[in-house]
Amino acid sequence: MSSSRNAFGLSCALVTPFLPNGDVDYPRMTQHARNCLGEGCGSVTVFGTTGEGSSLGFTERVKTISAFKDAGIDARRAIVGGVTSSSVEDALSQTGILMDADCRAVLLAPPFYFKGVSDDGLFAWFAALFEKLGSRARDIILYNIPSVTAVELSVPLIGRLRAAFPQVITGVKDSSGNWAYTRELLAAHSDITILIGDERHLAQGARLGAQGAISGLANLVAPRLLPLALEGREDPQIVQFVEEVIKYPVIPAIKALVALKTNDAAWSEARAPLVTLSASDAASVTSAYAAIFKARAA
């Protein structure tokens, strides 16, 4: 498949480092972002699921974007920002931070607190947000991650939102891990940017028209993910790696692996309500990581 369709490419779903007192470690975060961009990521995504975005407050979000700007990272080219809230007002505030900084795109999750909501209710929520954003509304990537939100963005709902807000919605990130859904999404909406969140489906999705990924594993193995995201090449070791990581609480596991990669134990710390991976689990997942990728090198 030609890479010309893959305009979005690979974005690292950036993990968030914390200081011993629990504050965000902004210098460590911006340096890690630089490293990921240097390894071939076209952008980094802050405040996403992997970045513990729902645990970061308004002030921390403002300070993060400011730190990236001060570090010389071009927001328009290289920063995607996650927005997660059940309140339109809070979602508006979070999105406003990103729009004011001229970030590349907004990764927008649906409201997550109320369960069993209808497509009509979800449409009304998104419509209220977009209407409040007004002329600032642009480059919205809808975020389908029902394992976290307990809300699936149905393919017809996405079509309805696109019809109502054609200049606003530019893509969908699918982290459902449900290949049947992903295939249906690509069949219906491959004329916008469809991004794959489950790396096990990334190559197959790219071959069907997906334009890249926002990937937690890009914190660790971005160069290995690029052929999957850009060319649709299969990599059985990436699949094997995902299968190992999901045996553990995923976000703490990725942070433990970043600590290994950077030789910096401070990366291991998670923010409550998440819990830092136990020493035994960290040893197991880092051993699996080393074994899988050293086998390739050998």
Foldseek 3Di string as FASTA:
>chain_A
DALPLQPQFEEEAFAWFADPVGHTDQVVRLVLQVVLVVLPHFAYEALDPLNVNVPDDLVSLLVNLVSNVVVVNQQQGHYEYEAAALDLVRSLSSVVSSLVSNHNAYAYEFHQDDAPDDLVVRLVSVVVNDVVCPPSAARYAYEAACVPRVDGCALVSVVVNCVVCVRHYQYYEYAPPDVVRLLVNLVRPLVGAYAYEDLQCQLVSVVSRHNFYHYNCSSPCVNVSRCSRRPSDDDVLVVVLSVLCVVDPNSLQSQLLNCVVVVNRSSNQDDPPDGRDDPVSSVVSNVSVCVSVVVVVD
